[in-house]
C-alpha atoms as a PDB file:
ATOM      1  CA  MET A   1     -33.745  52.359  23.764  1.00  0.00           C
ATOM      2  CA  SER A   2     -34.563  49.995  26.581  1.00  0.00           C
ATOM      3  CA  GLU A   3     -33.419  46.519  26.536  1.00  0.00           C
ATOM      4  CA  ALA A   4     -37.052  45.271  26.253  1.00  0.00           C
ATOM      5  CA  SER A   5     -37.526  47.316  23.015  1.00  0.00           C
ATOM      6  CA  VAL A   6     -34.473  45.787  21.212  1.00  0.00           C
ATOM      7  CA  ALA A   7     -35.641  43.192  18.670  1.00  0.00           C
ATOM      8  CA  PRO A   8     -35.002  39.803  20.248  1.00  0.00           C
ATOM      9  CA  ASN A   9     -33.030  38.519  17.299  1.00  0.00           C
ATOM     10  CA  ALA A  10     -30.874  41.620  16.551  1.00  0.00           C
ATOM     11  CA  THR A  11     -27.923  40.569  18.666  1.00  0.00           C
ATOM     12  CA  TYR A  12     -28.074  36.988  17.361  1.00  0.00           C
ATOM     13  CA  GLN A  13     -28.309  38.291  13.784  1.00  0.00           C
ATOM     14  CA  SER A  14     -25.146  40.434  14.173  1.00  0.00           C
ATOM     15  CA  ALA A  15     -23.085  37.623  15.764  1.00  0.00           C
ATOM     16  CA  GLU A  16     -24.181  35.326  12.937  1.00  0.00           C
ATOM     17  CA  ARG A  17     -23.060  37.772  10.419  1.00  0.00           C
ATOM     18  CA  VAL A  18     -19.749  38.379  12.217  1.00  0.00           C
ATOM     19  CA  LEU A  19     -19.171  34.457  12.304  1.00  0.00           C
ATOM     20  CA  ALA A  20     -20.213  34.164   8.595  1.00  0.00           C
ATOM     21  CA  LEU A  21     -17.821  36.946   7.551  1.00  0.00           C
ATOM     22  CA  LEU A  22     -14.824  35.274   9.385  1.00  0.00           C
ATOM     23  CA  LYS A  23     -15.737  31.862   7.828  1.00  0.00           C
ATOM     24  CA  SER A  24     -16.130  33.265   4.331  1.00  0.00           C
ATOM     25  CA  PHE A  25     -12.159  33.426   4.286  1.00  0.00           C
ATOM     26  CA  ASP A  26     -10.740  30.155   3.080  1.00  0.00           C
ATOM     27  CA  ASP A  27      -7.585  29.005   1.043  1.00  0.00           C
ATOM     28  CA  THR A  28      -9.151  30.361  -2.111  1.00  0.00           C
ATOM     29  CA  ARG A  29     -10.142  33.617  -0.598  1.00  0.00           C
ATOM     30  CA  VAL A  30      -7.381  34.784   1.539  1.00  0.00           C
ATOM     31  CA  GLU A  31      -8.182  38.383   0.958  1.00  0.00           C
ATOM     32  CA  GLN A  32     -11.559  40.127   0.181  1.00  0.00           C
ATOM     33  CA  GLY A  33     -12.909  43.539  -0.713  1.00  0.00           C
ATOM     34  CA  VAL A  34     -16.140  44.948   0.873  1.00  0.00           C
ATOM     35  CA  ALA A  35     -18.159  44.004  -2.308  1.00  0.00           C
ATOM     36  CA  GLU A  36     -17.059  40.276  -2.051  1.00  0.00           C
ATOM     37  CA  ILE A  37     -17.890  40.162   1.771  1.00  0.00           C
ATOM     38  CA  ALA A  38     -21.253  41.680   1.131  1.00  0.00           C
ATOM     39  CA  ARG A  39     -22.067  38.983  -1.592  1.00  0.00           C
ATOM     40  CA  ALA A  40     -20.777  36.267   0.695  1.00  0.00           C
ATOM     41  CA  LEU A  41     -23.120  37.402   3.530  1.00  0.00           C
ATOM     42  CA  GLY A  42     -25.986  38.522   1.439  1.00  0.00           C
ATOM     43  CA  VAL A  43     -26.052  41.856   2.938  1.00  0.00           C
ATOM     44  CA  HIS A  44     -25.693  45.673   1.677  1.00  0.00           C
ATOM     45  CA  LYS A  45     -22.056  46.985   1.091  1.00  0.00           C
ATOM     46  CA  SER A  46     -22.583  49.363   4.037  1.00  0.00           C
ATOM     47  CA  THR A  47     -23.283  46.716   6.333  1.00  0.00           C
ATOM     48  CA  ALA A  48     -20.357  44.613   5.368  1.00  0.00           C
ATOM     49  CA  SER A  49     -18.062  47.677   5.575  1.00  0.00           C
ATOM     50  CA  ARG A  50     -19.254  48.303   9.146  1.00  0.00           C
ATOM     51  CA  LEU A  51     -18.843  44.768  10.213  1.00  0.00           C
ATOM     52  CA  ALA A  52     -15.291  44.534   8.459  1.00  0.00           C
ATOM     53  CA  ALA A  53     -14.227  47.754  10.171  1.00  0.00           C
ATOM     54  CA  ALA A  54     -15.380  46.468  13.642  1.00  0.00           C
ATOM     55  CA  LEU A  55     -13.497  43.312  13.148  1.00  0.00           C
ATOM     56  CA  GLU A  56     -10.354  45.328  12.068  1.00  0.00           C
ATOM     57  CA  ARG A  57     -10.537  47.303  15.173  1.00  0.00           C
ATOM     58  CA  ALA A  58     -10.653  44.233  17.271  1.00  0.00           C
ATOM     59  CA  GLY A  59      -7.791  42.643  15.336  1.00  0.00           C
ATOM     60  CA  PHE A  60      -9.658  39.813  13.731  1.00  0.00           C
ATOM     61  CA  LEU A  61      -9.209  41.423  10.184  1.00  0.00           C
ATOM     62  CA  ALA A  62      -6.209  43.356   8.821  1.00  0.00           C
ATOM     63  CA  ARG A  63      -6.594  45.677   5.904  1.00  0.00           C
ATOM     64  CA  SER A  64      -4.235  45.953   2.947  1.00  0.00           C
ATOM     65  CA  GLY A  65      -5.409  48.818   0.810  1.00  0.00           C
ATOM     66  CA  LYS A  66      -9.212  48.360   0.265  1.00  0.00           C
ATOM     67  CA  ARG A  67      -8.984  44.574   0.929  1.00  0.00           C
ATOM     68  CA  TYR A  68      -9.166  42.603   4.170  1.00  0.00           C
ATOM     69  CA  ARG A  69      -7.504  39.434   5.299  1.00  0.00           C
ATOM     70  CA  LEU A  70      -7.594  37.507   8.579  1.00  0.00           C
ATOM     71  CA  GLY A  71      -5.723  39.342  11.400  1.00  0.00           C
ATOM     72  CA  VAL A  72      -3.522  38.375  14.252  1.00  0.00           C
ATOM     73  CA  GLU A  73      -6.317  37.864  16.681  1.00  0.00           C
ATOM     74  CA  ALA A  74      -7.713  35.127  14.484  1.00  0.00           C
ATOM     75  CA  ILE A  75      -4.363  33.512  14.237  1.00  0.00           C
ATOM     76  CA  ARG A  76      -3.883  33.679  18.048  1.00  0.00           C
ATOM     77  CA  LEU A  77      -7.256  32.031  18.744  1.00  0.00           C
ATOM     78  CA  GLY A  78      -6.518  29.368  16.039  1.00  0.00           C
ATOM     79  CA  THR A  79      -3.202  28.617  17.538  1.00  0.00           C
ATOM     80  CA  LEU A  80      -4.767  28.285  21.043  1.00  0.00           C
ATOM     81  CA  ALA A  81      -7.290  26.060  19.665  1.00  0.00           C
ATOM     82  CA  LEU A  82      -4.817  23.687  18.102  1.00  0.00           C
ATOM     83  CA  ARG A  83      -2.756  23.699  21.401  1.00  0.00           C
ATOM     84  CA  SER A  84      -5.733  22.682  23.450  1.00  0.00           C
ATOM     85  CA  PHE A  85      -6.860  20.091  20.983  1.00  0.00           C
ATOM     86  CA  ASP A  86      -5.973  16.860  22.716  1.00  0.00           C
ATOM     87  CA  LEU A  87      -6.145  14.785  19.495  1.00  0.00           C
ATOM     88  CA  VAL A  88      -3.316  16.707  17.891  1.00  0.00           C
ATOM     89  CA  ALA A  89      -1.061  16.354  20.987  1.00  0.00           C
ATOM     90  CA  THR A  90      -1.816  12.521  21.134  1.00  0.00           C
ATOM     91  CA  MET A  91      -1.034  11.996  17.516  1.00  0.00           C
ATOM     92  CA  GLN A  92       2.007  14.317  17.209  1.00  0.00           C
ATOM     93  CA  PRO A  93       4.440  11.557  18.058  1.00  0.00           C
ATOM     94  CA  ALA A  94       3.071   9.017  15.658  1.00  0.00           C
ATOM     95  CA  MET A  95       3.076  11.724  12.850  1.00  0.00           C
ATOM     96  CA  GLU A  96       6.811  12.611  13.613  1.00  0.00           C
ATOM     97  CA  LYS A  97       7.697   9.031  13.478  1.00  0.00           C
ATOM     98  CA  LEU A  98       5.914   8.393  10.202  1.00  0.00           C
ATOM     99  CA  SER A  99       7.554  11.563   8.658  1.00  0.00           C
ATOM    100  CA  GLN A 100      10.926  10.257   9.951  1.00  0.00           C
ATOM    101  CA  ARG A 101      10.522   6.874   8.380  1.00  0.00           C
ATOM    102  CA  THR A 102       9.139   8.026   4.982  1.00  0.00           C
ATOM    103  CA  GLY A 103      10.651  11.488   4.597  1.00  0.00           C
ATOM    104  CA  GLU A 104       7.109  12.663   3.383  1.00  0.00           C
ATOM    105  CA  THR A 105       4.535  15.070   4.622  1.00  0.00           C
ATOM    106  CA  VAL A 106       2.249  13.756   7.375  1.00  0.00           C
ATOM    107  CA  ASN A 107      -1.133  15.237   8.008  1.00  0.00           C
ATOM    108  CA  LEU A 108      -3.893  14.837  10.502  1.00  0.00           C
ATOM    109  CA  ALA A 109      -7.441  15.717   9.337  1.00  0.00           C
ATOM    110  CA  VAL A 110     -10.950  15.726  11.066  1.00  0.00           C
ATOM    111  CA  PRO A 111     -14.435  15.985   9.927  1.00  0.00           C
ATOM    112  CA  ASP A 112     -15.733  19.615   9.577  1.00  0.00           C
ATOM    113  CA  GLY A 113     -19.421  19.664   8.598  1.00  0.00           C
ATOM    114  CA  ALA A 114     -19.303  17.941   5.094  1.00  0.00           C
ATOM    115  CA  ASP A 115     -15.636  18.709   4.543  1.00  0.00           C
ATOM    116  CA  VAL A 116     -12.277  17.506   5.700  1.00  0.00           C
ATOM    117  CA  LEU A 117     -10.233  19.895   7.904  1.00  0.00           C
ATOM    118  CA  ASN A 118      -6.507  19.605   8.153  1.00  0.00           C
ATOM    119  CA  VAL A 119      -5.480  20.324  11.714  1.00  0.00           C
ATOM    120  CA  ALA A 120      -1.718  19.287  11.856  1.00  0.00           C
ATOM    121  CA  GLU A 121       1.296  18.591   9.721  1.00  0.00           C
ATOM    122  CA  VAL A 122       4.687  17.331  10.043  1.00  0.00           C
ATOM    123  CA  SER A 123       6.743  18.553   7.048  1.00  0.00           C
ATOM    124  CA  SER A 124       8.661  16.438   4.570  1.00  0.00           C
ATOM    125  CA  THR A 125      12.434  16.216   4.759  1.00  0.00           C
ATOM    126  CA  TYR A 126      12.665  16.568   0.961  1.00  0.00           C
ATOM    127  CA  ILE A 127      13.199  19.800  -0.753  1.00  0.00           C
ATOM    128  CA  LEU A 128      10.453  18.975  -3.276  1.00  0.00           C
ATOM    129  CA  SER A 129       7.449  18.036  -1.214  1.00  0.00           C
ATOM    130  CA  CYS A 130       3.828  18.577  -0.456  1.00  0.00           C
ATOM    131  CA  SER A 131       4.511  20.438   2.822  1.00  0.00           C
ATOM    132  CA  GLY A 132       3.131  23.669   3.865  1.00  0.00           C
ATOM    133  CA  GLY A 133      -0.258  25.389   3.672  1.00  0.00           C
ATOM    134  CA  TRP A 134      -2.395  22.350   4.782  1.00  0.00           C
ATOM    135  CA  ILE A 135      -3.160  23.342   8.248  1.00  0.00           C
ATOM    136  CA  GLY A 136      -6.590  25.019   8.334  1.00  0.00           C
ATOM    137  CA  ARG A 137      -7.240  24.053   4.829  1.00  0.00           C
ATOM    138  CA  ARG A 138     -10.571  22.210   3.972  1.00  0.00           C
ATOM    139  CA  THR A 139     -11.074  19.648   1.137  1.00  0.00           C
ATOM    140  CA  THR A 140     -13.828  17.848  -0.217  1.00  0.00           C
ATOM    141  CA  PRO A 141     -13.749  14.146   0.934  1.00  0.00           C
ATOM    142  CA  HIS A 142     -14.271  12.213  -2.200  1.00  0.00           C
ATOM    143  CA  ALA A 143     -11.105  13.603  -3.760  1.00  0.00           C
ATOM    144  CA  VAL A 144      -8.602  12.966  -1.014  1.00  0.00           C
ATOM    145  CA  ALA A 145      -7.275   9.911   0.827  1.00  0.00           C
ATOM    146  CA  ASN A 146      -8.153  11.174   4.413  1.00  0.00           C
ATOM    147  CA  GLY A 147     -11.569  12.112   3.174  1.00  0.00           C
ATOM    148  CA  LYS A 148     -12.259   8.660   1.811  1.00  0.00           C
ATOM    149  CA  VAL A 149     -11.235   7.326   5.296  1.00  0.00           C
ATOM    150  CA  LEU A 150     -13.769   9.513   7.026  1.00  0.00           C
ATOM    151  CA  LEU A 151     -16.387   8.549   4.618  1.00  0.00           C
ATOM    152  CA  ALA A 152     -15.818   4.947   4.798  1.00  0.00           C
ATOM    153  CA  TYR A 153     -15.863   4.808   8.464  1.00  0.00           C
ATOM    154  CA  GLY A 154     -19.040   7.015   8.922  1.00  0.00           C
ATOM    155  CA  ALA A 155     -17.324  10.144  10.182  1.00  0.00           C
ATOM    156  CA  LEU A 156     -18.543  12.165   7.250  1.00  0.00           C
ATOM    157  CA  PRO A 157     -21.890  12.140   5.552  1.00  0.00           C
ATOM    158  CA  CYS A 158     -21.916  11.078   1.834  1.00  0.00           C
ATOM    159  CA  PRO A 159     -21.410  14.117  -0.393  1.00  0.00           C
ATOM    160  CA  GLY A 160     -24.402  15.410  -2.437  1.00  0.00           C
ATOM    161  CA  ALA A 161     -22.226  15.927  -5.456  1.00  0.00           C
ATOM    162  CA  LEU A 162     -18.742  14.838  -6.769  1.00  0.00           C
ATOM    163  CA  GLU A 163     -16.794  17.602  -8.117  1.00  0.00           C
ATOM    164  CA  ARG A 164     -13.995  16.977 -10.730  1.00  0.00           C
ATOM    165  CA  TYR A 165     -10.733  18.363  -9.858  1.00  0.00           C
ATOM    166  CA  THR A 166      -8.404  16.355 -12.147  1.00  0.00           C
ATOM    167  CA  PRO A 167      -9.021  13.583 -14.701  1.00  0.00           C
ATOM    168  CA  ARG A 168      -8.464  10.964 -12.015  1.00  0.00           C
ATOM    169  CA  THR A 169     -11.210  12.486  -9.620  1.00  0.00           C
ATOM    170  CA  ILE A 170     -14.048  10.029  -8.756  1.00  0.00           C
ATOM    171  CA  THR A 171     -17.079  11.519 -10.109  1.00  0.00           C
ATOM    172  CA  THR A 172     -19.684   8.575  -9.870  1.00  0.00           C
ATOM    173  CA  PHE A 173     -21.299   7.390  -6.614  1.00  0.00           C
ATOM    174  CA  ALA A 174     -20.902   3.792  -7.912  1.00  0.00           C
ATOM    175  CA  ALA A 175     -17.055   4.235  -8.127  1.00  0.00           C
ATOM    176  CA  LEU A 176     -17.018   6.061  -4.752  1.00  0.00           C
ATOM    177  CA  GLU A 177     -18.848   3.243  -2.956  1.00  0.00           C
ATOM    178  CA  ALA A 178     -16.556   0.756  -4.434  1.00  0.00           C
ATOM    179  CA  GLU A 179     -13.597   2.674  -3.317  1.00  0.00           C
ATOM    180  CA  LEU A 180     -15.080   3.099   0.275  1.00  0.00           C
ATOM    181  CA  ALA A 181     -15.641  -0.684   0.456  1.00  0.00           C
ATOM    182  CA  ALA A 182     -12.015  -1.321  -0.454  1.00  0.00           C
ATOM    183  CA  VAL A 183     -10.998   1.263   2.337  1.00  0.00           C
ATOM    184  CA  ARG A 184     -12.989  -0.722   4.918  1.00  0.00           C
ATOM    185  CA  ARG A 185     -11.484  -4.060   3.471  1.00  0.00           C
ATOM    186  CA  ASP A 186      -7.842  -2.905   3.573  1.00  0.00           C
ATOM    187  CA  GLY A 187      -7.926  -0.418   6.506  1.00  0.00           C
ATOM    188  CA  TYR A 188      -6.405   2.511   4.444  1.00  0.00           C
ATOM    189  CA  ALA A 189      -7.130   4.688   1.398  1.00  0.00           C
ATOM    190  CA  THR A 190      -5.271   5.969  -1.397  1.00  0.00           C
ATOM    191  CA  ALA A 191      -5.666   8.976  -3.744  1.00  0.00           C
ATOM    192  CA  VAL A 192      -3.443   9.395  -6.748  1.00  0.00           C
ATOM    193  CA  ALA A 193      -3.625  12.742  -8.374  1.00  0.00           C
ATOM    194  CA  GLU A 194      -7.313  13.052  -7.543  1.00  0.00           C
ATOM    195  CA  LEU A 195      -7.207  16.500  -6.056  1.00  0.00           C
ATOM    196  CA  GLU A 196      -4.070  17.842  -7.562  1.00  0.00           C
ATOM    197  CA  GLU A 197      -2.012  16.634 -10.334  1.00  0.00           C
ATOM    198  CA  GLY A 198       1.161  15.010  -9.186  1.00  0.00           C
ATOM    199  CA  LEU A 199      -0.067  14.712  -5.535  1.00  0.00           C
ATOM    200  CA  VAL A 200      -0.357  11.198  -4.079  1.00  0.00           C
ATOM    201  CA  ALA A 201      -1.530  10.237  -0.509  1.00  0.00           C
ATOM    202  CA  VAL A 202      -2.468   7.233   1.577  1.00  0.00           C
ATOM    203  CA  ALA A 203      -4.492   7.663   4.769  1.00  0.00           C
ATOM    204  CA  ALA A 204      -5.665   5.530   7.710  1.00  0.00           C
ATOM    205  CA  PRO A 205      -8.439   5.990  10.326  1.00  0.00           C
ATOM    206  CA  VAL A 206      -7.830   7.222  13.840  1.00  0.00           C
ATOM    207  CA  PHE A 207     -10.292   5.807  16.456  1.00  0.00           C
ATOM    208  CA  ASP A 208     -11.505   7.204  19.869  1.00  0.00           C
ATOM    209  CA  PRO A 209     -11.642   4.666  22.794  1.00  0.00           C
ATOM    210  CA  ALA A 210     -15.153   3.870  21.803  1.00  0.00           C
ATOM    211  CA  GLY A 211     -14.177   2.636  18.542  1.00  0.00           C
ATOM    212  CA  ALA A 212     -15.502   5.627  16.393  1.00  0.00           C
ATOM    213  CA  CYS A 213     -13.403   7.084  13.685  1.00  0.00           C
ATOM    214  CA  VAL A 214     -12.529  10.652  14.735  1.00  0.00           C
ATOM    215  CA  ALA A 215      -9.710  11.535  12.318  1.00  0.00           C
ATOM    216  CA  ALA A 216      -7.565  10.381   9.569  1.00  0.00           C
ATOM    217  CA  LEU A 217      -3.849  10.133   9.410  1.00  0.00           C
ATOM    218  CA  SER A 218      -2.182  10.571   5.982  1.00  0.00           C
ATOM    219  CA  ILE A 219       1.118  10.389   4.233  1.00  0.00           C
ATOM    220  CA  SER A 220       1.464  12.566   0.958  1.00  0.00           C
ATOM    221  CA  GLY A 221       4.107  13.187  -1.524  1.00  0.00           C
ATOM    222  CA  PRO A 222       4.858  13.703  -5.381  1.00  0.00           C
ATOM    223  CA  GLU A 223       3.832  10.996  -7.650  1.00  0.00           C
ATOM    224  CA  PHE A 224       7.452  10.497  -8.939  1.00  0.00           C
ATOM    225  CA  ARG A 225       8.401   9.430  -5.412  1.00  0.00           C
ATOM    226  CA  MET A 226       5.250   7.700  -4.224  1.00  0.00           C
ATOM    227  CA  ARG A 227       5.084   5.103  -6.866  1.00  0.00           C
ATOM    228  CA  PRO A 228       2.130   2.676  -7.179  1.00  0.00           C
ATOM    229  CA  GLU A 229       4.169  -0.359  -6.003  1.00  0.00           C
ATOM    230  CA  ALA A 230       4.925   1.454  -2.728  1.00  0.00           C
ATOM    231  CA  LEU A 231       1.310   2.543  -1.769  1.00  0.00           C
ATOM    232  CA  ASP A 232       0.304  -0.744  -0.018  1.00  0.00           C
ATOM    233  CA  ALA A 233       3.192  -0.619   2.130  1.00  0.00           C
ATOM    234  CA  LEU A 234       2.737   2.981   3.045  1.00  0.00           C
ATOM    235  CA  GLY A 235      -0.922   2.343   3.703  1.00  0.00           C
ATOM    236  CA  LEU A 236      -0.023  -0.351   6.077  1.00  0.00           C
ATOM    237  CA  LEU A 237       2.560   1.749   7.745  1.00  0.00           C
ATOM    238  CA  CYS A 238       0.139   4.614   8.278  1.00  0.00           C
ATOM    239  CA  SER A 239      -2.565   2.250   9.709  1.00  0.00           C
ATOM    240  CA  SER A 240      -0.091   0.835  12.196  1.00  0.00           C
ATOM    241  CA  ALA A 241       1.095   4.171  13.394  1.00  0.00           C
END
């Protein structure tokens, strides 16, 4: 078949499907079978199987029995992207200093579409902590402190729906707007057991040289250590990092 006779959108459609397949993996779907991939892409199982097999050969997927997970090539590219991400390198000293002063987990998060994407972490020094598993994890902004910061300073659009995760999750737009006004007033946000029971976090904005909010820096830990009376001091500490 000559190049001219190939459908103009054929190559683009295949590339879009490959990207959609890779993006269908997240912290709740670390492994998927062909049927799950087909549903996520809206394609026939045979198409999903061919795409997954091609990505497995290239190292982007790895197979365990009849299920697929992200492969070493995806890990390599993700690590390379983080190393080349100037924001992470710039914020690393401040993150390490915050962790040393508080003993708690420190995270850096950026906007990613309508979500919050965690891109860097310094682990807590405590045995019982909130460390681990946050890098690469996406969260919905209304239920997390770093998300409230990104919403309050215009780095993220207002969400279309407010899903409930725990009894303390904000689920009304009036309550969310009041919370965001408080963030702008105080310079930091708090979230107490809004995403996960027992998890407390404070976060502050990170601005670029032009004054735009490009990220959020957070301190998180278990509720029994991060008591209500300490949150204001932690928030100020985070905002001054």
